Amino acid sequence: MSPAPTGLLPAGVETPADLRDRLADLRYLADDGLAIAAFLALRLSRPLFLEGDPGVGKTEVAKTLAALLDAPLLRLQCYEGIDSAEALYDWDFPRQLLHLRATEHADVDADEVMRAVYGEDFLLARPLLAALRTSPSVLLIDEVDRADDEFEAFLLEVLSDWSVTIPELGTITAEHPPVVVITSNRTREVHDALKRRCYYHWLDHPDLARETAIVRARVPDAAGRLVEQVARLTQALRGADLHKPPGVAETIDWTEALVALGATTLDAELATQTLGAVLKYREDQERARSLDIGVMVQRAVAGA
């Protein structure tokens, strides 16, 4: 029996546990579910579709995989109204115009001029095209839920064939498919056709133990007691019916802010003064104060 294909897995990674450990070496602490999802996506050369609340570490997965594979990270930030030209390629019109003006009175064949104008020298490769032409590479399609249906259909076509056609240059096919990570904050439902093409994983907020470990890895200068207190308080705030519950990114930001102020432990006054590091809406800050953040801090400190 021939050995199973390794797909896009890095050398030495043979199991999801191996991948989890290698990610941890790069300070990304994945749980077993995410480690299995990423392992299968790499081994089967399929896009990894990560969905979850903002701040749970979806984008960081792509960044860490790029570091692990020692490959460039090509990021396509989606937004309402994005079209294929902004994702795939465009022409450098100012330089094309200058070239045409420079050759206007020269004894050069017109067809030759046009071939030059629409040649590689004037092509602007956007993230999708760059990913198809760069091997290996990690393509991050961030917040695809912000794009519209037409752009989803375009993405599905590219991800199915790993090729694109540029009328002036012909068809460009990836020598090896890039590692693709697609993220969604679920501001709207993404079509099933795109999800079916991917390996799907819902990324949830971590439990207290893992969130504490993540913050300790990311903010090594913070006192251990402070890290646990901040993690406990952040988790309490997530259950406070906020407009935008804080993610792990905000827990890290809050801890960094407290360390910058020289804090080694948390108290009510300090927590109130630094709410801007974790709650980014005025209504959420008022909600936290109305719930008596002092009591929440006391519980977090006592629990730690």
Protein backbone atom coordinates (compact mmCIF):
# COMPACT_ATOMS: atom_id res chain seq x y z
CA MET A 1 0.00 0.00 0.00
CA SER A 2 1.36 3.43 -0.94
CA PRO A 3 1.79 6.00 1.87
CA ALA A 4 -1.03 8.46 2.48
CA PRO A 5 -0.55 11.85 0.83
CA THR A 6 0.84 14.54 3.10
CA GLY A 7 -0.71 17.42 1.14
CA LEU A 8 0.59 20.75 2.42
CA LEU A 9 1.72 19.54 5.85
CA PRO A 10 5.12 20.78 7.03
CA ALA A 11 7.91 18.28 7.56
CA GLY A 12 7.61 16.33 10.80
CA VAL A 13 3.87 16.88 11.20
CA GLU A 14 2.14 13.51 10.98
CA THR A 15 -0.81 13.91 13.36
CA PRO A 16 -3.12 16.70 14.57
CA ALA A 17 -1.25 16.60 17.88
CA ASP A 18 2.02 17.28 16.04
CA LEU A 19 0.43 20.29 14.35
CA ARG A 20 -1.01 21.56 17.65
CA ASP A 21 2.43 21.35 19.24
CA ARG A 22 4.11 23.17 16.34
CA LEU A 23 1.49 25.93 16.51
CA ALA A 24 2.08 26.20 20.25
CA ASP A 25 5.80 26.68 19.57
CA LEU A 26 4.72 29.79 17.64
CA ARG A 27 2.52 30.94 20.56
CA TYR A 28 -0.81 29.91 19.02
CA LEU A 29 -2.58 27.57 21.45
CA ALA A 30 -5.12 25.64 19.42
CA ASP A 31 -7.63 23.26 20.97
CA ASP A 32 -8.01 19.73 19.64
CA GLY A 33 -10.90 20.63 17.33
CA LEU A 34 -8.99 23.39 15.58
CA ALA A 35 -5.83 21.28 15.38
CA ILE A 36 -7.77 18.49 13.64
CA ALA A 37 -9.50 20.94 11.28
CA ALA A 38 -6.23 22.61 10.28
CA PHE A 39 -4.48 19.24 9.93
CA LEU A 40 -7.15 17.87 7.59
CA ALA A 41 -7.28 21.08 5.56
CA LEU A 42 -3.52 20.90 5.02
CA ARG A 43 -3.39 17.17 4.40
CA LEU A 44 -6.30 17.16 1.96
CA SER A 45 -5.30 20.47 0.33
CA ARG A 46 -8.68 22.03 1.04
CA PRO A 47 -9.50 25.57 2.14
CA LEU A 48 -10.05 25.99 5.87
CA PHE A 49 -13.24 27.93 6.63
CA LEU A 50 -13.16 29.47 10.12
CA GLU A 51 -16.28 31.06 11.51
CA GLY A 52 -16.79 32.67 14.90
CA ASP A 53 -17.13 35.91 16.84
CA PRO A 54 -14.59 38.68 16.25
CA GLY A 55 -11.43 38.36 18.29
CA VAL A 56 -11.36 34.59 18.78
CA GLY A 57 -8.18 34.12 16.71
CA LYS A 58 -9.37 33.27 13.20
CA THR A 59 -7.01 35.60 11.35
CA GLU A 60 -4.16 34.60 13.63
CA VAL A 61 -4.50 31.00 12.41
CA ALA A 62 -3.48 32.06 8.90
CA LYS A 63 -0.59 34.18 10.19
CA THR A 64 0.71 31.30 12.30
CA LEU A 65 0.39 28.77 9.48
CA ALA A 66 2.38 31.10 7.24
CA ALA A 67 5.11 31.29 9.87
CA LEU A 68 5.05 27.52 10.34
CA LEU A 69 5.32 26.84 6.61
CA ASP A 70 7.83 29.68 6.10
CA ALA A 71 5.56 30.94 3.34
CA PRO A 72 4.35 34.43 2.44
CA LEU A 73 0.96 35.47 3.80
CA LEU A 74 -1.23 37.02 1.11
CA ARG A 75 -4.24 38.75 2.66
CA LEU A 76 -7.46 39.60 0.86
CA GLN A 77 -9.57 41.81 3.11
CA CYS A 78 -13.20 41.55 2.01
CA TYR A 79 -15.69 44.41 2.22
CA GLU A 80 -19.03 45.36 0.74
CA GLY A 81 -18.66 46.03 -2.98
CA ILE A 82 -15.32 44.27 -3.51
CA ASP A 83 -15.03 42.91 -7.04
CA SER A 84 -12.84 40.45 -8.92
CA ALA A 85 -10.43 43.13 -10.18
CA GLU A 86 -9.55 44.15 -6.63
CA ALA A 87 -9.03 40.52 -5.64
CA LEU A 88 -7.39 39.11 -8.76
CA TYR A 89 -5.48 41.59 -10.91
CA ASP A 90 -5.52 45.02 -12.44
CA TRP A 91 -3.48 46.95 -14.97
CA ASP A 92 -1.13 49.79 -14.08
CA PHE A 93 -2.98 52.39 -16.15
CA PRO A 94 -0.72 55.40 -15.39
CA ARG A 95 2.39 53.50 -16.49
CA GLN A 96 0.57 52.12 -19.55
CA LEU A 97 -0.36 55.66 -20.55
CA LEU A 98 3.22 56.86 -20.09
CA HIS A 99 4.47 53.96 -22.21
CA LEU A 100 2.01 54.78 -24.98
CA ARG A 101 3.04 58.43 -24.96
CA ALA A 102 6.71 57.45 -25.02
CA THR A 103 6.22 55.27 -28.10
CA GLU A 104 3.72 57.56 -29.84
CA HIS A 105 6.22 58.91 -32.36
CA ALA A 106 8.60 55.96 -32.36
CA ASP A 107 8.95 53.62 -35.31
CA VAL A 108 7.35 50.69 -33.49
CA ASP A 109 4.67 48.30 -34.68
CA ALA A 110 1.29 49.13 -33.09
CA ASP A 111 0.55 45.48 -32.27
CA GLU A 112 3.91 45.18 -30.55
CA VAL A 113 3.17 48.24 -28.48
CA MET A 114 -0.18 46.83 -27.37
CA ARG A 115 1.37 43.46 -26.48
CA ALA A 116 3.92 45.29 -24.36
CA VAL A 117 1.31 47.46 -22.67
CA TYR A 118 -0.74 44.40 -21.71
CA GLY A 119 2.26 42.35 -20.66
CA GLU A 120 3.68 41.21 -17.34
CA ASP A 121 5.52 44.50 -16.76
CA PHE A 122 2.21 46.34 -16.37
CA LEU A 123 0.24 43.67 -14.54
CA LEU A 124 -0.68 44.35 -10.90
CA ALA A 125 -1.22 41.02 -9.17
CA ARG A 126 -3.77 41.19 -6.37
CA PRO A 127 -3.82 38.57 -3.57
CA LEU A 128 -5.68 35.82 -5.44
CA LEU A 129 -3.44 35.91 -8.49
CA ALA A 130 -0.32 36.29 -6.36
CA ALA A 131 -1.32 33.19 -4.38
CA LEU A 132 -1.79 31.15 -7.55
CA ARG A 133 1.64 32.20 -8.81
CA THR A 134 3.53 31.81 -5.52
CA SER A 135 4.28 28.37 -4.15
CA PRO A 136 4.11 27.76 -1.30
CA SER A 137 1.91 30.55 0.00
CA VAL A 138 -0.87 31.11 2.52
CA LEU A 139 -3.91 32.96 1.22
CA LEU A 140 -6.07 34.61 3.87
CA ILE A 141 -9.55 35.60 2.65
CA ASP A 142 -10.61 37.65 5.65
CA GLU A 143 -14.22 38.41 6.62
CA VAL A 144 -15.80 36.92 3.50
CA ASP A 145 -19.22 37.58 5.05
CA ARG A 146 -18.73 41.27 4.27
CA ALA A 147 -18.60 40.61 0.52
CA ASP A 148 -21.67 40.07 -1.66
CA ASP A 149 -23.08 36.96 -3.34
CA GLU A 150 -21.45 37.65 -6.69
CA PHE A 151 -18.01 37.76 -5.13
CA GLU A 152 -18.67 34.48 -3.33
CA ALA A 153 -19.50 32.86 -6.68
CA PHE A 154 -16.27 34.21 -8.15
CA LEU A 155 -14.28 32.84 -5.21
CA LEU A 156 -15.89 29.44 -5.60
CA GLU A 157 -14.80 29.27 -9.23
CA VAL A 158 -11.20 30.18 -8.42
CA LEU A 159 -10.96 27.79 -5.47
CA SER A 160 -12.44 24.94 -7.51
CA ASP A 161 -10.01 25.15 -10.44
CA TRP A 162 -7.02 26.93 -8.89
CA SER A 163 -6.73 28.85 -12.13
CA VAL A 164 -7.78 32.15 -13.67
CA THR A 165 -7.88 33.44 -17.21
CA ILE A 166 -6.47 36.83 -18.10
CA PRO A 167 -7.65 37.60 -21.66
CA GLU A 168 -4.40 39.34 -22.62
CA LEU A 169 -2.10 36.67 -21.13
CA GLY A 170 -4.07 33.42 -21.12
CA THR A 171 -4.84 30.96 -18.33
CA ILE A 172 -2.71 30.92 -15.19
CA THR A 173 -2.88 27.73 -13.11
CA ALA A 174 -1.32 27.19 -9.71
CA GLU A 175 1.57 24.75 -9.77
CA HIS A 176 0.62 23.80 -6.21
CA PRO A 177 -2.59 25.05 -4.53
CA PRO A 178 -1.95 27.62 -1.82
CA VAL A 179 -2.98 27.08 1.78
CA VAL A 180 -6.29 28.93 1.99
CA VAL A 181 -7.86 30.22 5.20
CA ILE A 182 -11.29 31.85 4.89
CA THR A 183 -12.75 33.68 7.88
CA SER A 184 -16.27 34.87 8.65
CA ASN A 185 -17.71 36.78 11.61
CA ARG A 186 -21.15 35.55 10.55
CA THR A 187 -22.63 38.98 10.01
CA ARG A 188 -24.59 37.13 7.32
CA GLU A 189 -24.81 33.53 6.18
CA VAL A 190 -22.22 32.45 3.61
CA HIS A 191 -23.62 30.25 0.84
CA ASP A 192 -23.44 26.49 1.24
CA ALA A 193 -21.67 26.10 -2.12
CA LEU A 194 -18.59 27.89 -0.81
CA LYS A 195 -18.66 26.12 2.56
CA ARG A 196 -18.92 22.72 0.87
CA ARG A 197 -15.65 23.42 -0.91
CA CYS A 198 -13.91 23.93 2.44
CA TYR A 199 -13.21 22.17 5.71
CA TYR A 200 -15.40 24.04 8.23
CA HIS A 201 -14.65 24.82 11.86
CA TRP A 202 -16.47 27.03 14.33
CA LEU A 203 -13.95 28.84 16.52
CA ASP A 204 -15.43 29.56 19.93
CA HIS A 205 -14.18 31.60 22.85
CA PRO A 206 -11.68 29.51 24.85
CA ASP A 207 -12.35 28.26 28.35
CA LEU A 208 -10.64 29.97 31.27
CA ALA A 209 -7.63 27.66 31.42
CA ARG A 210 -6.81 27.99 27.72
CA GLU A 211 -7.47 31.74 27.62
CA THR A 212 -5.12 32.19 30.57
CA ALA A 213 -2.47 30.09 28.81
CA ILE A 214 -2.91 32.11 25.59
CA VAL A 215 -2.45 35.43 27.38
CA ARG A 216 0.59 34.15 29.27
CA ALA A 217 2.14 33.07 25.97
CA ARG A 218 1.39 36.42 24.32
CA VAL A 219 2.23 38.68 27.28
CA PRO A 220 5.08 36.88 29.05
CA ASP A 221 5.97 39.96 31.13
CA ALA A 222 2.60 39.94 32.89
CA ALA A 223 2.33 38.59 36.44
CA GLY A 224 0.62 35.20 36.49
CA ARG A 225 -2.01 36.37 38.99
CA LEU A 226 -2.85 39.43 36.88
CA VAL A 227 -3.29 37.28 33.75
CA GLU A 228 -5.79 34.98 35.46
CA GLN A 229 -7.69 37.90 36.97
CA VAL A 230 -8.02 39.63 33.60
CA ALA A 231 -9.08 36.40 31.91
CA ARG A 232 -11.73 35.75 34.58
CA LEU A 233 -13.08 39.29 34.32
CA THR A 234 -13.15 39.17 30.50
CA GLN A 235 -15.11 35.93 30.60
CA ALA A 236 -17.57 37.49 33.01
CA LEU A 237 -18.03 40.46 30.66
CA ARG A 238 -18.86 38.07 27.80
CA GLY A 239 -21.94 37.02 29.73
CA ALA A 240 -23.07 40.59 30.34
CA ASP A 241 -25.26 41.02 27.23
CA LEU A 242 -22.87 43.46 25.53
CA HIS A 243 -23.12 44.86 22.03
CA LYS A 244 -19.68 43.47 21.21
CA PRO A 245 -18.43 40.87 23.70
CA PRO A 246 -14.64 40.99 24.06
CA GLY A 247 -12.55 38.36 22.28
CA VAL A 248 -9.21 36.88 23.18
CA ALA A 249 -7.55 39.74 21.30
CA GLU A 250 -9.12 42.19 23.77
CA THR A 251 -8.00 40.06 26.73
CA ILE A 252 -4.46 40.32 25.42
CA ASP A 253 -4.82 44.07 24.80
CA TRP A 254 -6.17 44.63 28.30
CA THR A 255 -3.34 42.68 29.90
CA GLU A 256 -0.75 44.59 27.86
CA ALA A 257 -2.32 47.89 28.93
CA LEU A 258 -2.22 46.92 32.60
CA VAL A 259 1.40 45.76 32.33
CA ALA A 260 2.28 49.09 30.67
CA LEU A 261 0.81 50.82 33.75
CA GLY A 262 2.97 48.69 36.02
CA ALA A 263 0.11 46.64 37.44
CA THR A 264 0.72 43.21 38.93
CA THR A 265 -2.83 42.71 40.20
CA LEU A 266 -6.27 44.01 39.32
CA ASP A 267 -8.58 46.28 41.32
CA ALA A 268 -11.89 47.97 40.57
CA GLU A 269 -10.45 51.44 39.95
CA LEU A 270 -7.79 50.18 37.54
CA ALA A 271 -10.27 47.98 35.68
CA THR A 272 -12.69 50.91 35.26
CA GLN A 273 -9.96 53.27 34.06
CA THR A 274 -8.74 50.80 31.42
CA LEU A 275 -12.07 49.57 30.06
CA GLY A 276 -11.19 51.18 26.74
CA ALA A 277 -8.71 48.37 26.12
CA VAL A 278 -11.41 45.70 26.23
CA LEU A 279 -14.76 47.36 25.51
CA LYS A 280 -14.83 49.48 22.36
CA TYR A 281 -18.39 50.79 22.53
CA ARG A 282 -19.64 53.47 24.91
CA GLU A 283 -22.84 51.50 25.53
CA ASP A 284 -20.83 48.43 26.55
CA GLN A 285 -18.74 50.44 29.00
CA GLU A 286 -21.89 51.92 30.54
CA ARG A 287 -23.39 48.44 30.73
CA ALA A 288 -20.31 47.15 32.55
CA ARG A 289 -20.46 50.01 35.04
CA SER A 290 -24.18 49.47 35.62
CA LEU A 291 -23.47 45.85 36.54
CA ASP A 292 -21.04 47.11 39.23
CA ILE A 293 -17.71 46.22 37.75
CA GLY A 294 -16.22 46.51 41.23
CA VAL A 295 -18.10 43.40 42.30
CA MET A 296 -17.06 41.60 39.11
CA VAL A 297 -13.42 42.48 39.81
CA GLN A 298 -13.69 41.22 43.40
CA ARG A 299 -15.01 37.89 42.12
CA ALA A 300 -12.26 37.67 39.52
CA VAL A 301 -9.58 38.44 42.11
CA ALA A 302 -11.05 35.98 44.60
CA GLY A 303 -11.30 33.25 41.97
CA ALA A 304 -7.69 33.75 40.94
